[in-house]
Amino acid sequence: MTPSSIDTTVQALLTQGYVAQRELATAVFLALRLQRPLFLEGEPGTGKTEIAKALAAMLGRPLIRLQCYEGLDLASAAYEWNHARQMLEIKSGGLSGDELFARRFLIARPLLQALEQPGVLLIDELDRADEPFEAFLLEVLSDFQLSIPELGVIKAAEPPIVVLTSNRTREIHDAVKRRCLYHWVDFPDAQRELQILRLKVPGAGEALSRQIVAFIQGLRTLDLYKLPGVAETIEWSRALLELNALVLDPETVSNTLGVLLKYQDDIAKVQGSEAARLLEQVRVATHHG
């Protein structure tokens, strides 16, 4: 059921385990009400994909996911003809020429699936696909339809809910952006990240949770190749619970940095004196907090 206000959107997403800022909830609410695709950009690990999952659960609709990658084409993204089945029916003599491209021979991929059943279409990491692929999307995003040369136009009876995400490894074309509502998804501030931890890792004590958030917020101020996202915050908290940690200490931090940071250069930069400095900051901040 579509939320009736921004406040109910915040609450409905929270019910699905997603802690949304008001600006994001506003974008989601408007995308649903205006029946416009929602384009989410931001650093990896800020929870863009999770929004689509929460939205599908919130509305009780299937999540139809198109994971983008270099070389993605129409056959993988939209549809392809089942040539083996066509040949089989031709050989059996049960097929006339004008039936060769009937709908039953069409294999639906995510874009076509989303037009034929009411769901939430997630076009994930669009920046990974080649630029020409974006042109394929324009008809779907504008008119919620797909033109198939051999068959005609397939139009959605009801506009699908579309969420596009990008980690901004390259710019997405203006023609795509113009057809969407746009929102930049940033790393959460300390208060929101603490709220996420309380929700996702309730077993972590309040003192440890505050220290974890303060440490990660400090990490994100450093010049690292890949900053830890919310997923890493949750994963690190679970790891620390498994190690029965009650507070952060230098040895535990040093031994578990690989849960937070995924590049050896980043780990080397943080280990030792940098980690000690951050821990001291954490101690002062949480002591006064």
Protein backbone atom coordinates (compact mmCIF):
# COMPACT_ATOMS: atom_id res chain seq x y z
CA MET A 1 0.00 0.00 0.00
CA THR A 2 1.38 3.42 -1.01
CA PRO A 3 2.17 5.64 2.01
CA SER A 4 -0.10 8.66 2.39
CA SER A 5 2.58 11.10 3.59
CA ILE A 6 6.31 11.59 4.08
CA ASP A 7 5.97 10.67 7.76
CA THR A 8 4.22 7.39 6.94
CA THR A 9 6.91 6.70 4.30
CA VAL A 10 9.63 7.10 6.97
CA GLN A 11 7.69 4.76 9.26
CA ALA A 12 6.92 2.19 6.55
CA LEU A 13 10.60 2.00 5.53
CA LEU A 14 11.60 1.71 9.19
CA THR A 15 9.20 -1.22 9.55
CA GLN A 16 11.26 -2.93 6.83
CA GLY A 17 14.50 -2.18 8.67
CA TYR A 18 15.53 0.86 6.64
CA VAL A 19 16.37 4.05 8.54
CA ALA A 20 15.66 6.81 6.00
CA GLN A 21 16.54 10.48 6.22
CA ARG A 22 13.57 12.76 5.66
CA GLU A 23 14.99 14.00 2.32
CA LEU A 24 15.22 10.43 1.03
CA ALA A 25 11.75 9.57 2.33
CA THR A 26 10.45 12.65 0.50
CA ALA A 27 12.06 11.46 -2.76
CA VAL A 28 10.57 7.96 -2.30
CA PHE A 29 7.12 9.36 -1.47
CA LEU A 30 7.14 11.64 -4.55
CA ALA A 31 8.41 8.87 -6.85
CA LEU A 32 5.47 6.71 -5.76
CA ARG A 33 2.88 9.47 -6.02
CA LEU A 34 4.11 10.92 -9.31
CA GLN A 35 4.87 7.47 -10.78
CA ARG A 36 8.38 8.55 -11.70
CA PRO A 37 11.58 6.49 -11.61
CA LEU A 38 13.89 7.25 -8.68
CA PHE A 39 17.57 7.73 -9.50
CA LEU A 40 19.91 7.26 -6.52
CA GLU A 41 23.56 8.20 -6.68
CA GLY A 42 26.18 7.90 -3.96
CA GLU A 43 29.30 6.17 -2.70
CA PRO A 44 29.29 2.35 -2.55
CA GLY A 45 27.94 1.09 0.75
CA THR A 46 25.50 3.91 1.47
CA GLY A 47 22.43 1.67 1.19
CA LYS A 48 21.08 2.52 -2.29
CA THR A 49 20.25 -1.08 -3.23
CA GLU A 50 18.68 -1.66 0.20
CA ILE A 51 16.17 1.12 -0.49
CA ALA A 52 14.74 -0.82 -3.44
CA LYS A 53 14.56 -4.01 -1.36
CA ALA A 54 12.81 -2.19 1.49
CA LEU A 55 10.43 -0.55 -0.99
CA ALA A 56 9.46 -3.91 -2.52
CA ALA A 57 8.85 -5.43 0.93
CA MET A 58 6.94 -2.34 2.05
CA LEU A 59 4.59 -2.51 -0.95
CA GLY A 60 4.35 -6.30 -1.01
CA ARG A 61 5.70 -6.44 -4.57
CA PRO A 62 8.37 -8.66 -6.11
CA LEU A 63 11.84 -7.13 -6.55
CA ILE A 64 12.97 -7.46 -10.16
CA ARG A 65 16.71 -6.79 -10.26
CA LEU A 66 18.79 -5.89 -13.28
CA GLN A 67 22.44 -5.96 -12.20
CA CYS A 68 24.40 -3.86 -14.67
CA TYR A 69 27.85 -4.78 -15.95
CA GLU A 70 30.15 -3.93 -18.83
CA GLY A 71 28.81 -5.46 -22.06
CA LEU A 72 25.20 -5.68 -20.83
CA ASP A 73 22.92 -5.85 -23.89
CA LEU A 74 19.23 -5.91 -24.74
CA ALA A 75 19.08 -9.74 -24.78
CA SER A 76 20.23 -9.90 -21.15
CA ALA A 77 18.35 -6.81 -19.94
CA ALA A 78 15.01 -6.85 -21.80
CA TYR A 79 14.20 -9.95 -23.87
CA GLU A 80 15.44 -12.54 -26.31
CA TRP A 81 13.77 -14.97 -28.64
CA ASN A 82 13.71 -18.64 -27.73
CA HIS A 83 15.25 -19.86 -30.99
CA ALA A 84 15.47 -23.49 -29.82
CA ARG A 85 11.72 -23.61 -29.18
CA GLN A 86 10.99 -21.85 -32.49
CA MET A 87 13.07 -24.41 -34.40
CA LEU A 88 11.41 -27.28 -32.56
CA GLU A 89 7.92 -26.13 -33.49
CA ILE A 90 8.96 -25.42 -37.10
CA LYS A 91 10.36 -28.97 -37.41
CA SER A 92 7.23 -30.47 -35.88
CA GLY A 93 5.16 -28.63 -38.49
CA GLY A 94 2.99 -26.97 -35.88
CA LEU A 95 4.04 -23.42 -36.70
CA SER A 96 2.96 -21.11 -39.49
CA GLY A 97 5.21 -18.23 -40.62
CA ASP A 98 3.17 -15.48 -38.99
CA GLU A 99 3.37 -17.27 -35.62
CA LEU A 100 7.16 -17.42 -35.56
CA PHE A 101 7.42 -14.34 -33.39
CA ALA A 102 4.46 -14.96 -31.08
CA ARG A 103 4.70 -13.86 -27.45
CA ARG A 104 5.16 -17.43 -26.23
CA PHE A 105 8.58 -17.54 -27.87
CA LEU A 106 9.79 -14.47 -26.03
CA ILE A 107 12.02 -14.95 -22.99
CA ALA A 108 11.41 -12.03 -20.64
CA ARG A 109 14.43 -10.48 -18.93
CA PRO A 110 14.13 -7.91 -16.09
CA LEU A 111 12.98 -4.88 -18.14
CA LEU A 112 10.18 -6.82 -19.84
CA GLN A 113 9.30 -8.70 -16.63
CA ALA A 114 8.78 -5.35 -14.88
CA LEU A 115 6.37 -4.19 -17.59
CA GLU A 116 4.32 -7.39 -17.47
CA GLN A 117 3.96 -7.75 -13.69
CA PRO A 118 3.59 -5.06 -11.02
CA GLY A 119 6.89 -5.09 -9.17
CA VAL A 120 9.79 -2.91 -8.10
CA LEU A 121 12.39 -2.77 -10.87
CA LEU A 122 15.91 -2.22 -9.55
CA ILE A 123 18.42 -1.17 -12.22
CA ASP A 124 21.50 -1.56 -10.06
CA GLU A 125 24.88 0.12 -10.66
CA LEU A 126 23.95 1.64 -14.01
CA ASP A 127 27.40 3.27 -14.16
CA ARG A 128 28.92 -0.21 -14.70
CA ALA A 129 27.06 -0.65 -18.01
CA ASP A 130 28.35 0.85 -21.26
CA GLU A 131 27.00 4.30 -22.12
CA PRO A 132 25.05 3.12 -25.22
CA PHE A 133 22.99 0.85 -22.97
CA GLU A 134 21.36 3.91 -21.41
CA ALA A 135 19.58 4.60 -24.72
CA PHE A 136 17.73 1.26 -24.32
CA LEU A 137 16.29 2.50 -21.04
CA LEU A 138 14.76 5.75 -22.26
CA GLU A 139 11.56 4.22 -23.65
CA VAL A 140 11.03 2.16 -20.49
CA LEU A 141 11.67 5.14 -18.20
CA SER A 142 9.54 7.59 -20.23
CA ASP A 143 6.57 5.55 -21.39
CA PHE A 144 6.86 2.31 -19.42
CA GLN A 145 6.87 0.37 -22.65
CA LEU A 146 9.20 -1.65 -24.86
CA SER A 147 9.18 -1.74 -28.66
CA ILE A 148 9.97 -5.20 -30.03
CA PRO A 149 10.47 -5.00 -33.83
CA GLU A 150 9.06 -8.47 -34.59
CA LEU A 151 6.13 -8.24 -32.16
CA GLY A 152 5.17 -4.61 -31.55
CA VAL A 153 4.94 -2.50 -28.42
CA ILE A 154 4.48 -4.06 -24.98
CA LYS A 155 3.19 -1.46 -22.55
CA ALA A 156 2.79 -1.81 -18.81
CA ALA A 157 -0.84 -1.97 -17.67
CA GLU A 158 0.38 -0.25 -14.50
CA PRO A 159 3.63 1.74 -14.34
CA PRO A 160 6.31 -0.24 -12.50
CA ILE A 161 8.16 1.34 -9.60
CA VAL A 162 11.70 1.89 -10.88
CA VAL A 163 14.81 2.51 -8.79
CA LEU A 164 18.12 3.18 -10.57
CA THR A 165 21.40 3.30 -8.66
CA SER A 166 24.87 4.53 -9.57
CA ASN A 167 28.16 4.58 -7.65
CA ARG A 168 29.21 7.44 -9.95
CA THR A 169 32.25 5.76 -11.45
CA ARG A 170 31.12 7.70 -14.55
CA GLU A 171 28.44 10.29 -15.27
CA ILE A 172 25.01 9.02 -16.34
CA HIS A 173 23.55 10.77 -19.38
CA ASP A 174 21.23 13.72 -18.80
CA ALA A 175 18.50 12.05 -20.87
CA VAL A 176 18.22 9.31 -18.24
CA LYS A 177 18.40 11.72 -15.30
CA ARG A 178 15.71 14.00 -16.75
CA ARG A 179 13.22 11.15 -16.67
CA CYS A 180 13.81 10.47 -12.97
CA LEU A 181 13.56 12.05 -9.57
CA TYR A 182 17.12 12.39 -8.24
CA HIS A 183 18.57 11.90 -4.78
CA TRP A 184 22.17 11.75 -3.57
CA VAL A 185 22.53 9.08 -0.87
CA ASP A 186 25.31 10.05 1.53
CA PHE A 187 26.95 8.20 4.39
CA PRO A 188 24.77 8.52 7.49
CA ASP A 189 25.67 10.94 10.26
CA ALA A 190 26.56 9.49 13.67
CA GLN A 191 23.03 9.69 15.06
CA ARG A 192 21.48 7.86 12.11
CA GLU A 193 24.26 5.26 11.98
CA LEU A 194 23.73 4.54 15.68
CA GLN A 195 20.02 4.11 15.00
CA ILE A 196 20.83 1.67 12.17
CA LEU A 197 23.12 -0.33 14.49
CA ARG A 198 20.48 -0.52 17.22
CA LEU A 199 18.07 -1.88 14.62
CA LYS A 200 20.40 -4.29 12.82
CA VAL A 201 22.66 -5.48 15.66
CA PRO A 202 20.54 -5.18 18.81
CA GLY A 203 22.92 -7.49 20.69
CA ALA A 204 25.69 -4.89 20.70
CA GLY A 205 25.71 -2.89 23.92
CA GLU A 206 25.11 0.84 23.85
CA ALA A 207 28.71 1.70 24.83
CA LEU A 208 30.23 -0.52 22.14
CA SER A 209 27.75 0.70 19.50
CA ARG A 210 28.64 4.33 20.22
CA GLN A 211 32.36 3.55 20.01
CA ILE A 212 31.92 1.66 16.72
CA VAL A 213 30.01 4.55 15.16
CA ALA A 214 32.50 7.15 16.41
CA PHE A 215 35.45 5.11 15.08
CA ILE A 216 33.88 4.60 11.64
CA GLN A 217 32.82 8.24 11.40
CA GLY A 218 36.49 9.09 12.08
CA LEU A 219 37.67 6.60 9.45
CA ARG A 220 35.50 8.31 6.84
CA THR A 221 37.40 11.57 7.34
CA LEU A 222 40.64 9.88 6.18
CA ASP A 223 41.93 9.80 2.62
CA LEU A 224 41.23 6.11 1.95
CA TYR A 225 40.77 4.32 -1.37
CA LYS A 226 37.44 2.83 -0.24
CA LEU A 227 35.60 4.24 2.75
CA PRO A 228 33.65 1.75 4.88
CA GLY A 229 29.92 1.76 4.17
CA VAL A 230 26.95 0.99 6.40
CA ALA A 231 27.22 -2.71 5.48
CA GLU A 232 30.76 -2.73 6.91
CA THR A 233 29.58 -0.99 10.09
CA ILE A 234 27.01 -3.75 10.63
CA GLU A 235 29.46 -6.52 9.72
CA TRP A 236 32.17 -5.16 12.06
CA SER A 237 29.67 -4.90 14.91
CA ARG A 238 28.69 -8.55 14.41
CA ALA A 239 32.35 -9.57 14.27
CA LEU A 240 33.10 -7.71 17.51
CA LEU A 241 30.13 -9.44 19.16
CA GLU A 242 31.54 -12.83 18.09
CA LEU A 243 34.82 -11.84 19.76
CA ASN A 244 32.93 -10.88 22.94
CA ALA A 245 34.24 -7.31 22.76
CA LEU A 246 32.63 -4.91 25.20
CA VAL A 247 34.68 -1.88 24.18
CA LEU A 248 37.15 -1.07 21.41
CA ASP A 249 40.81 -1.67 22.20
CA PRO A 250 43.92 -1.32 19.97
CA GLU A 251 44.53 -5.06 19.56
CA THR A 252 40.93 -5.92 18.63
CA VAL A 253 40.77 -3.02 16.16
CA SER A 254 44.08 -4.04 14.56
CA ASN A 255 43.00 -7.68 14.23
CA THR A 256 39.62 -6.87 12.66
CA LEU A 257 40.44 -4.01 10.26
CA GLY A 258 39.98 -6.43 7.35
CA VAL A 259 36.26 -6.54 8.14
CA LEU A 260 36.05 -2.77 7.67
CA LEU A 261 38.61 -2.06 4.97
CA LYS A 262 38.99 -4.10 1.80
CA TYR A 263 42.32 -2.80 0.46
CA GLN A 264 45.72 -3.54 2.00
CA ASP A 265 46.92 0.04 1.40
CA ASP A 266 43.98 1.35 3.45
CA ILE A 267 44.65 -1.16 6.24
CA ALA A 268 48.35 -0.23 6.30
CA LYS A 269 47.45 3.47 6.49
CA VAL A 270 45.11 2.97 9.47
CA GLN A 271 47.01 0.34 11.45
CA GLY A 272 49.19 1.49 14.30
CA SER A 273 49.41 5.21 15.12
CA GLU A 274 46.36 6.26 13.03
CA ALA A 275 44.14 3.68 14.71
CA ALA A 276 45.48 4.76 18.11
CA ARG A 277 44.68 8.40 17.31
CA LEU A 278 41.14 7.49 16.24
CA LEU A 279 40.64 5.37 19.35
CA GLU A 280 41.72 8.28 21.53
CA GLN A 281 39.20 10.51 19.70
CA VAL A 282 36.54 7.86 20.27
CA ARG A 283 37.41 7.61 23.97
CA VAL A 284 37.13 11.40 24.43
CA ALA A 285 33.95 11.72 22.34
CA THR A 286 32.06 8.82 23.94
CA HIS A 287 33.27 9.75 27.45
CA HIS A 288 31.87 13.27 27.04
CA GLY A 289 28.83 11.99 25.12
